[in-house]
N, C-alpha and C. Protein backbone atom coordinates (compact mmCIF):
# COMPACT_ATOMS: atom_id res chain seq x y z
N MET A 1 -1.06 -15.47 -19.06
CA MET A 1 -0.19 -14.53 -19.71
C MET A 1 -0.51 -14.51 -21.20
N GLU A 2 -0.72 -13.33 -21.73
CA GLU A 2 -0.99 -13.19 -23.15
C GLU A 2 0.07 -12.31 -23.78
N SER A 3 0.66 -12.84 -24.85
CA SER A 3 1.65 -12.08 -25.60
C SER A 3 2.07 -12.91 -26.80
N ASP A 4 2.38 -12.24 -27.90
CA ASP A 4 2.91 -12.96 -29.06
C ASP A 4 4.20 -13.68 -28.69
N TYR A 5 4.91 -13.12 -27.70
CA TYR A 5 6.16 -13.73 -27.24
C TYR A 5 5.92 -15.17 -26.80
N PHE A 6 4.77 -15.42 -26.14
CA PHE A 6 4.49 -16.76 -25.64
C PHE A 6 3.89 -17.65 -26.72
N ARG A 7 3.34 -17.06 -27.77
CA ARG A 7 2.77 -17.86 -28.85
C ARG A 7 3.87 -18.49 -29.72
N GLN A 8 4.99 -17.76 -29.86
CA GLN A 8 6.09 -18.25 -30.68
C GLN A 8 7.38 -18.18 -29.86
N PRO A 9 7.48 -19.02 -28.83
CA PRO A 9 8.65 -18.94 -27.96
C PRO A 9 9.95 -19.29 -28.67
N GLN A 10 11.00 -18.61 -28.28
CA GLN A 10 12.34 -18.86 -28.81
C GLN A 10 13.15 -19.53 -27.70
N GLY A 11 13.25 -20.84 -27.75
CA GLY A 11 14.02 -21.55 -26.74
C GLY A 11 13.25 -21.76 -25.45
N LYS A 12 13.99 -21.95 -24.38
CA LYS A 12 13.41 -22.25 -23.07
C LYS A 12 12.75 -21.01 -22.47
N GLN A 13 11.54 -21.18 -21.93
CA GLN A 13 10.80 -20.10 -21.29
C GLN A 13 10.76 -20.32 -19.78
N GLN A 14 11.00 -19.25 -19.02
CA GLN A 14 10.96 -19.36 -17.57
C GLN A 14 10.21 -18.17 -16.98
N LEU A 15 9.54 -18.42 -15.88
CA LEU A 15 8.91 -17.37 -15.10
C LEU A 15 9.80 -17.14 -13.87
N LEU A 16 10.25 -15.90 -13.67
CA LEU A 16 11.14 -15.56 -12.57
C LEU A 16 10.37 -14.70 -11.57
N ILE A 17 10.24 -15.17 -10.34
CA ILE A 17 9.52 -14.44 -9.28
C ILE A 17 10.54 -14.02 -8.23
N LYS A 18 10.73 -12.70 -8.11
CA LYS A 18 11.73 -12.15 -7.19
C LYS A 18 11.14 -11.68 -5.88
N GLY A 19 9.81 -11.54 -5.80
CA GLY A 19 9.19 -11.07 -4.57
C GLY A 19 7.68 -11.18 -4.65
N VAL A 20 7.06 -11.01 -3.49
CA VAL A 20 5.59 -11.09 -3.39
C VAL A 20 5.08 -9.97 -2.50
N ARG A 21 3.84 -9.62 -2.68
CA ARG A 21 3.15 -8.68 -1.80
C ARG A 21 2.03 -9.47 -1.12
N LEU A 22 2.13 -9.60 0.20
CA LEU A 22 1.19 -10.40 0.97
C LEU A 22 0.34 -9.49 1.84
N LEU A 23 -0.98 -9.64 1.76
CA LEU A 23 -1.90 -8.83 2.55
C LEU A 23 -2.68 -9.74 3.48
N ASN A 24 -2.42 -9.61 4.77
CA ASN A 24 -3.16 -10.36 5.78
C ASN A 24 -4.60 -9.86 5.76
N LYS A 25 -5.56 -10.74 5.54
CA LYS A 25 -6.96 -10.33 5.44
C LYS A 25 -7.46 -9.66 6.72
N ASN A 26 -6.84 -9.95 7.87
CA ASN A 26 -7.21 -9.26 9.12
C ASN A 26 -6.72 -7.83 9.14
N GLU A 27 -5.86 -7.46 8.19
CA GLU A 27 -5.31 -6.10 8.12
C GLU A 27 -5.71 -5.39 6.83
N GLU A 28 -6.73 -5.93 6.14
CA GLU A 28 -7.15 -5.35 4.86
C GLU A 28 -7.86 -4.01 5.06
N PHE A 29 -8.66 -3.88 6.10
CA PHE A 29 -9.41 -2.65 6.34
C PHE A 29 -8.85 -1.92 7.56
N LEU A 30 -8.63 -0.62 7.41
CA LEU A 30 -8.14 0.22 8.50
C LEU A 30 -9.24 1.17 8.92
N THR A 31 -9.47 1.24 10.23
CA THR A 31 -10.39 2.23 10.76
C THR A 31 -9.56 3.39 11.26
N VAL A 32 -9.85 4.58 10.75
CA VAL A 32 -9.10 5.78 11.10
C VAL A 32 -10.01 6.69 11.92
N ASP A 33 -9.60 6.98 13.15
CA ASP A 33 -10.32 7.92 14.00
C ASP A 33 -9.62 9.27 13.88
N LEU A 34 -10.28 10.22 13.23
CA LEU A 34 -9.66 11.52 12.98
C LEU A 34 -9.46 12.33 14.26
N ASN A 35 -10.31 12.12 15.27
CA ASN A 35 -10.16 12.86 16.53
C ASN A 35 -8.97 12.38 17.34
N SER A 36 -8.85 11.06 17.51
CA SER A 36 -7.74 10.53 18.31
C SER A 36 -6.48 10.31 17.48
N LYS A 37 -6.61 10.47 16.15
CA LYS A 37 -5.48 10.30 15.22
C LYS A 37 -4.86 8.91 15.34
N THR A 38 -5.75 7.89 15.35
CA THR A 38 -5.30 6.50 15.49
C THR A 38 -5.85 5.66 14.35
N ILE A 39 -5.17 4.53 14.11
CA ILE A 39 -5.64 3.54 13.16
C ILE A 39 -5.74 2.20 13.87
N THR A 40 -6.76 1.43 13.51
CA THR A 40 -6.90 0.07 13.99
C THR A 40 -7.28 -0.81 12.81
N PRO A 41 -6.73 -2.02 12.75
CA PRO A 41 -5.78 -2.60 13.69
C PRO A 41 -4.40 -1.96 13.53
N THR A 42 -3.58 -2.18 14.56
CA THR A 42 -2.19 -1.74 14.49
C THR A 42 -1.45 -2.66 13.53
N ILE A 43 -0.73 -2.06 12.59
CA ILE A 43 0.00 -2.84 11.58
C ILE A 43 1.48 -2.48 11.70
N GLU A 44 2.30 -3.51 11.84
CA GLU A 44 3.74 -3.30 12.00
C GLU A 44 4.29 -2.50 10.82
N GLY A 45 5.02 -1.43 11.13
CA GLY A 45 5.66 -0.62 10.11
C GLY A 45 4.79 0.47 9.52
N LEU A 46 3.50 0.53 9.89
CA LEU A 46 2.58 1.54 9.35
C LEU A 46 2.16 2.50 10.45
N THR A 47 2.31 3.79 10.19
CA THR A 47 1.86 4.80 11.15
C THR A 47 1.04 5.87 10.43
N LEU A 48 0.11 6.45 11.17
CA LEU A 48 -0.61 7.63 10.72
C LEU A 48 0.16 8.80 11.31
N SER A 49 0.94 9.48 10.49
CA SER A 49 1.86 10.50 11.01
C SER A 49 1.26 11.90 11.04
N LYS A 50 0.17 12.12 10.30
CA LYS A 50 -0.39 13.47 10.28
C LYS A 50 -1.89 13.42 9.98
N VAL A 51 -2.66 14.20 10.74
CA VAL A 51 -4.07 14.43 10.46
C VAL A 51 -4.28 15.93 10.56
N GLU A 52 -4.68 16.54 9.45
CA GLU A 52 -4.92 17.98 9.45
C GLU A 52 -6.32 18.23 8.90
N ILE A 53 -7.22 18.65 9.79
CA ILE A 53 -8.61 18.88 9.40
C ILE A 53 -8.77 20.35 9.02
N LYS A 54 -9.33 20.55 7.81
CA LYS A 54 -9.57 21.90 7.29
C LYS A 54 -11.03 21.96 6.84
N GLY A 55 -11.90 22.47 7.70
CA GLY A 55 -13.32 22.52 7.37
C GLY A 55 -13.89 21.13 7.27
N ASN A 56 -14.48 20.81 6.09
CA ASN A 56 -15.08 19.48 5.93
C ASN A 56 -14.12 18.47 5.28
N LYS A 57 -12.85 18.83 5.14
CA LYS A 57 -11.86 17.92 4.55
C LYS A 57 -10.72 17.68 5.54
N ALA A 58 -10.04 16.56 5.35
CA ALA A 58 -8.89 16.23 6.19
C ALA A 58 -7.77 15.70 5.30
N ASP A 59 -6.56 16.17 5.57
CA ASP A 59 -5.36 15.66 4.90
C ASP A 59 -4.71 14.66 5.85
N LEU A 60 -4.47 13.45 5.36
CA LEU A 60 -3.86 12.38 6.16
C LEU A 60 -2.54 11.99 5.52
N THR A 61 -1.55 11.71 6.37
CA THR A 61 -0.27 11.20 5.90
C THR A 61 0.02 9.90 6.64
N PHE A 62 0.26 8.86 5.87
CA PHE A 62 0.64 7.55 6.41
C PHE A 62 2.10 7.31 6.06
N GLN A 63 2.83 6.67 6.97
CA GLN A 63 4.22 6.29 6.71
C GLN A 63 4.35 4.78 6.87
N MET A 64 5.09 4.17 5.92
CA MET A 64 5.35 2.74 5.98
C MET A 64 6.79 2.47 5.62
N GLU A 65 7.44 1.63 6.43
CA GLU A 65 8.82 1.25 6.12
C GLU A 65 8.79 0.25 4.97
N VAL A 66 9.61 0.52 3.95
CA VAL A 66 9.68 -0.32 2.76
C VAL A 66 11.13 -0.54 2.40
N SER A 67 11.38 -1.50 1.49
CA SER A 67 12.73 -1.67 0.99
C SER A 67 13.02 -0.56 -0.02
N GLU A 68 14.28 -0.38 -0.34
CA GLU A 68 14.71 0.70 -1.22
C GLU A 68 13.91 0.72 -2.53
N LYS A 69 13.43 1.89 -2.88
CA LYS A 69 12.74 2.14 -4.15
C LYS A 69 11.44 1.37 -4.31
N ASP A 70 10.81 0.94 -3.22
CA ASP A 70 9.54 0.22 -3.31
C ASP A 70 8.41 1.21 -3.05
N GLY A 71 7.74 1.63 -4.09
CA GLY A 71 6.60 2.51 -3.94
C GLY A 71 5.37 1.83 -4.51
N PHE A 72 4.22 2.08 -3.91
CA PHE A 72 2.99 1.42 -4.36
C PHE A 72 1.79 2.19 -3.85
N GLY A 73 0.65 1.97 -4.47
CA GLY A 73 -0.60 2.56 -4.00
C GLY A 73 -1.12 1.76 -2.83
N MET A 74 -1.14 2.36 -1.64
CA MET A 74 -1.47 1.63 -0.43
C MET A 74 -2.97 1.35 -0.29
N PHE A 75 -3.83 2.27 -0.79
CA PHE A 75 -5.26 2.17 -0.54
C PHE A 75 -6.06 2.14 -1.84
N ASN A 76 -7.25 1.53 -1.75
CA ASN A 76 -8.21 1.64 -2.85
C ASN A 76 -8.63 3.10 -2.96
N PHE A 77 -9.26 3.47 -4.05
CA PHE A 77 -9.60 4.87 -4.30
C PHE A 77 -10.96 5.27 -3.72
N THR A 78 -11.56 4.40 -2.91
CA THR A 78 -12.78 4.75 -2.20
C THR A 78 -12.60 4.41 -0.72
N TYR A 79 -13.43 5.03 0.10
CA TYR A 79 -13.44 4.72 1.54
C TYR A 79 -14.87 4.82 2.02
N GLN A 80 -15.11 4.37 3.26
CA GLN A 80 -16.46 4.40 3.83
C GLN A 80 -16.45 5.09 5.19
N ASP A 81 -17.64 5.59 5.57
CA ASP A 81 -17.81 6.03 6.95
C ASP A 81 -18.37 4.83 7.72
N ILE A 82 -18.61 4.98 9.02
CA ILE A 82 -19.05 3.82 9.81
C ILE A 82 -20.50 3.43 9.51
N GLN A 83 -21.23 4.27 8.77
CA GLN A 83 -22.59 3.95 8.34
C GLN A 83 -22.59 3.11 7.06
N GLY A 84 -21.41 2.98 6.40
CA GLY A 84 -21.31 2.24 5.15
C GLY A 84 -21.44 3.10 3.91
N ASN A 85 -21.57 4.43 4.09
CA ASN A 85 -21.61 5.33 2.94
C ASN A 85 -20.23 5.38 2.30
N GLU A 86 -20.21 5.32 0.97
CA GLU A 86 -18.94 5.27 0.24
C GLU A 86 -18.59 6.64 -0.33
N TYR A 87 -17.29 6.97 -0.27
CA TYR A 87 -16.77 8.24 -0.78
C TYR A 87 -15.56 7.95 -1.67
N ASP A 88 -15.29 8.84 -2.61
CA ASP A 88 -14.07 8.76 -3.40
C ASP A 88 -12.97 9.51 -2.66
N LEU A 89 -11.75 8.94 -2.69
CA LEU A 89 -10.61 9.67 -2.14
C LEU A 89 -10.41 10.92 -2.97
N GLY A 90 -10.03 11.98 -2.29
CA GLY A 90 -9.72 13.22 -3.01
C GLY A 90 -8.35 13.08 -3.63
N GLU A 91 -7.43 13.86 -3.16
CA GLU A 91 -6.07 13.81 -3.67
C GLU A 91 -5.32 12.63 -3.06
N VAL A 92 -4.48 12.00 -3.88
CA VAL A 92 -3.66 10.87 -3.43
C VAL A 92 -2.26 11.06 -3.97
N GLY A 93 -1.26 10.83 -3.14
CA GLY A 93 0.12 10.94 -3.60
C GLY A 93 1.03 10.10 -2.73
N THR A 94 2.22 9.79 -3.24
CA THR A 94 3.21 9.05 -2.47
C THR A 94 4.59 9.66 -2.70
N SER A 95 5.45 9.46 -1.72
CA SER A 95 6.87 9.80 -1.88
C SER A 95 7.66 8.79 -1.07
N THR A 96 8.93 8.63 -1.42
CA THR A 96 9.79 7.67 -0.72
C THR A 96 11.09 8.35 -0.35
N ARG A 97 11.51 8.15 0.90
CA ARG A 97 12.81 8.64 1.37
C ARG A 97 13.70 7.42 1.60
N ILE A 98 14.89 7.44 1.02
CA ILE A 98 15.80 6.29 1.05
C ILE A 98 16.92 6.52 2.05
N GLY A 99 17.39 5.42 2.68
CA GLY A 99 18.55 5.47 3.56
C GLY A 99 18.26 6.19 4.86
N LEU A 100 17.44 5.61 5.71
CA LEU A 100 17.05 6.24 6.96
C LEU A 100 18.13 6.08 8.02
N GLU A 101 18.33 7.12 8.78
CA GLU A 101 19.35 7.10 9.83
C GLU A 101 19.00 6.03 10.86
N GLY A 102 19.99 5.23 11.23
CA GLY A 102 19.80 4.19 12.23
C GLY A 102 19.14 2.93 11.70
N LYS A 103 18.88 2.86 10.40
CA LYS A 103 18.24 1.69 9.79
C LYS A 103 19.18 1.07 8.77
N SER A 104 18.75 -0.05 8.21
CA SER A 104 19.50 -0.70 7.14
C SER A 104 19.67 0.27 5.97
N PRO A 105 20.83 0.22 5.25
CA PRO A 105 21.03 1.12 4.10
C PRO A 105 19.97 0.94 3.01
N ASN A 106 19.32 -0.23 2.97
CA ASN A 106 18.28 -0.47 1.98
C ASN A 106 16.89 -0.08 2.47
N SER A 107 16.81 0.44 3.70
CA SER A 107 15.53 0.78 4.29
C SER A 107 15.06 2.16 3.84
N SER A 108 13.77 2.29 3.63
CA SER A 108 13.18 3.56 3.21
C SER A 108 11.82 3.74 3.88
N ILE A 109 11.34 4.96 3.84
CA ILE A 109 9.99 5.26 4.30
C ILE A 109 9.19 5.74 3.11
N MET A 110 8.04 5.11 2.88
CA MET A 110 7.12 5.58 1.86
C MET A 110 6.01 6.34 2.56
N GLU A 111 5.75 7.55 2.11
CA GLU A 111 4.65 8.33 2.66
C GLU A 111 3.51 8.34 1.65
N THR A 112 2.30 8.13 2.15
CA THR A 112 1.10 8.21 1.33
C THR A 112 0.26 9.35 1.87
N PHE A 113 -0.11 10.26 0.97
CA PHE A 113 -0.89 11.44 1.32
C PHE A 113 -2.27 11.30 0.69
N ILE A 114 -3.32 11.43 1.51
CA ILE A 114 -4.68 11.38 0.97
C ILE A 114 -5.51 12.52 1.56
N THR A 115 -6.51 12.93 0.82
CA THR A 115 -7.47 13.92 1.28
C THR A 115 -8.84 13.27 1.29
N VAL A 116 -9.56 13.43 2.40
CA VAL A 116 -10.88 12.82 2.55
C VAL A 116 -11.88 13.88 2.99
N VAL A 117 -13.15 13.62 2.70
CA VAL A 117 -14.23 14.40 3.28
C VAL A 117 -14.44 13.86 4.69
N VAL A 118 -14.51 14.73 5.67
CA VAL A 118 -14.65 14.30 7.06
C VAL A 118 -16.07 13.77 7.28
N PRO A 119 -16.21 12.48 7.63
CA PRO A 119 -17.53 11.95 7.92
C PRO A 119 -18.11 12.55 9.21
N LYS A 120 -19.42 12.46 9.37
CA LYS A 120 -20.11 13.04 10.52
C LYS A 120 -19.52 12.53 11.84
N GLU A 121 -19.16 11.26 11.91
CA GLU A 121 -18.64 10.67 13.14
C GLU A 121 -17.13 10.80 13.28
N ASP A 122 -16.46 11.43 12.31
CA ASP A 122 -15.00 11.60 12.30
C ASP A 122 -14.25 10.27 12.26
N ILE A 123 -14.91 9.22 11.76
CA ILE A 123 -14.27 7.90 11.63
C ILE A 123 -14.47 7.43 10.20
N LEU A 124 -13.39 6.93 9.59
CA LEU A 124 -13.50 6.41 8.23
C LEU A 124 -12.80 5.07 8.13
N ILE A 125 -13.18 4.33 7.09
CA ILE A 125 -12.63 2.99 6.89
C ILE A 125 -11.97 2.95 5.51
N LEU A 126 -10.67 2.67 5.51
CA LEU A 126 -9.89 2.57 4.28
C LEU A 126 -9.61 1.11 3.98
N GLN A 127 -9.63 0.75 2.70
CA GLN A 127 -9.27 -0.61 2.30
C GLN A 127 -7.88 -0.59 1.69
N ARG A 128 -6.99 -1.40 2.26
CA ARG A 128 -5.63 -1.50 1.72
C ARG A 128 -5.66 -2.32 0.44
N SER A 129 -4.83 -1.92 -0.52
CA SER A 129 -4.77 -2.66 -1.78
C SER A 129 -3.44 -3.36 -1.99
N LEU A 130 -2.35 -2.77 -1.51
CA LEU A 130 -1.03 -3.38 -1.68
C LEU A 130 -0.23 -3.25 -0.39
N THR A 131 0.83 -4.04 -0.31
CA THR A 131 1.73 -4.04 0.84
C THR A 131 3.16 -3.97 0.32
N PRO A 132 4.13 -3.75 1.22
CA PRO A 132 5.53 -3.73 0.77
C PRO A 132 5.94 -5.06 0.15
N MET A 133 6.87 -4.97 -0.79
CA MET A 133 7.40 -6.16 -1.46
C MET A 133 8.25 -6.97 -0.48
N GLU A 134 7.99 -8.27 -0.44
CA GLU A 134 8.79 -9.20 0.35
C GLU A 134 9.67 -9.97 -0.64
N PRO A 135 10.98 -9.73 -0.62
CA PRO A 135 11.85 -10.42 -1.59
C PRO A 135 11.90 -11.92 -1.33
N ILE A 136 12.05 -12.67 -2.40
CA ILE A 136 12.23 -14.12 -2.31
C ILE A 136 13.68 -14.41 -2.67
N GLU A 137 14.40 -15.00 -1.74
CA GLU A 137 15.82 -15.33 -1.95
C GLU A 137 16.02 -16.82 -1.75
N PRO A 138 16.52 -17.52 -2.68
CA PRO A 138 16.77 -17.10 -4.06
C PRO A 138 15.45 -16.95 -4.79
N PRO A 139 15.43 -16.21 -5.90
CA PRO A 139 14.19 -16.06 -6.66
C PRO A 139 13.64 -17.41 -7.10
N LEU A 140 12.33 -17.46 -7.22
CA LEU A 140 11.65 -18.68 -7.66
C LEU A 140 11.65 -18.72 -9.18
N VAL A 141 12.14 -19.84 -9.75
CA VAL A 141 12.21 -19.98 -11.21
C VAL A 141 11.30 -21.14 -11.59
N ILE A 142 10.37 -20.87 -12.49
CA ILE A 142 9.43 -21.90 -12.95
C ILE A 142 9.63 -22.06 -14.47
N ASP A 143 9.97 -23.28 -14.88
CA ASP A 143 10.09 -23.56 -16.30
C ASP A 143 8.69 -23.63 -16.89
N LEU A 144 8.48 -22.91 -18.00
CA LEU A 144 7.18 -22.91 -18.66
C LEU A 144 7.15 -24.00 -19.72
N PRO A 145 6.01 -24.68 -19.84
CA PRO A 145 5.93 -25.74 -20.84
C PRO A 145 5.96 -25.17 -22.26
N LYS A 146 6.52 -25.93 -23.17
CA LYS A 146 6.51 -25.53 -24.59
C LYS A 146 5.14 -25.82 -25.13
N ARG A 147 4.71 -24.95 -26.05
CA ARG A 147 3.38 -25.12 -26.65
C ARG A 147 3.46 -25.93 -27.90
């Protein structure tokens, strides 16, 4: 951590950790089959809700259940085809809907919208970058040493 605040601390310093984002390495890469509209591996809480192919481009919508007001960039800004050729994601966007019917009042759905160039085999590989926040209760408090 770099900051003038830490160079000249005023009193006791603490690091407060309220949550973590954990990414299972077996779920880091998603294979998306545009024809069958499926993703592998199957990840709890994540669905591919829309695939719309328009010429050589495809609009994809992913939905993930998250806690209230938790929005994040789900994917890296590049993807690959099954040959290993790398492409830049086109358009990327997210939205969050809070208070889902039949779910916990703190439950929400985050939608991630991406546009990709359709690979020759209609299969692409996305790399996940972040996951939903997992709260830590009670928060973890670490006393920082004085300098």
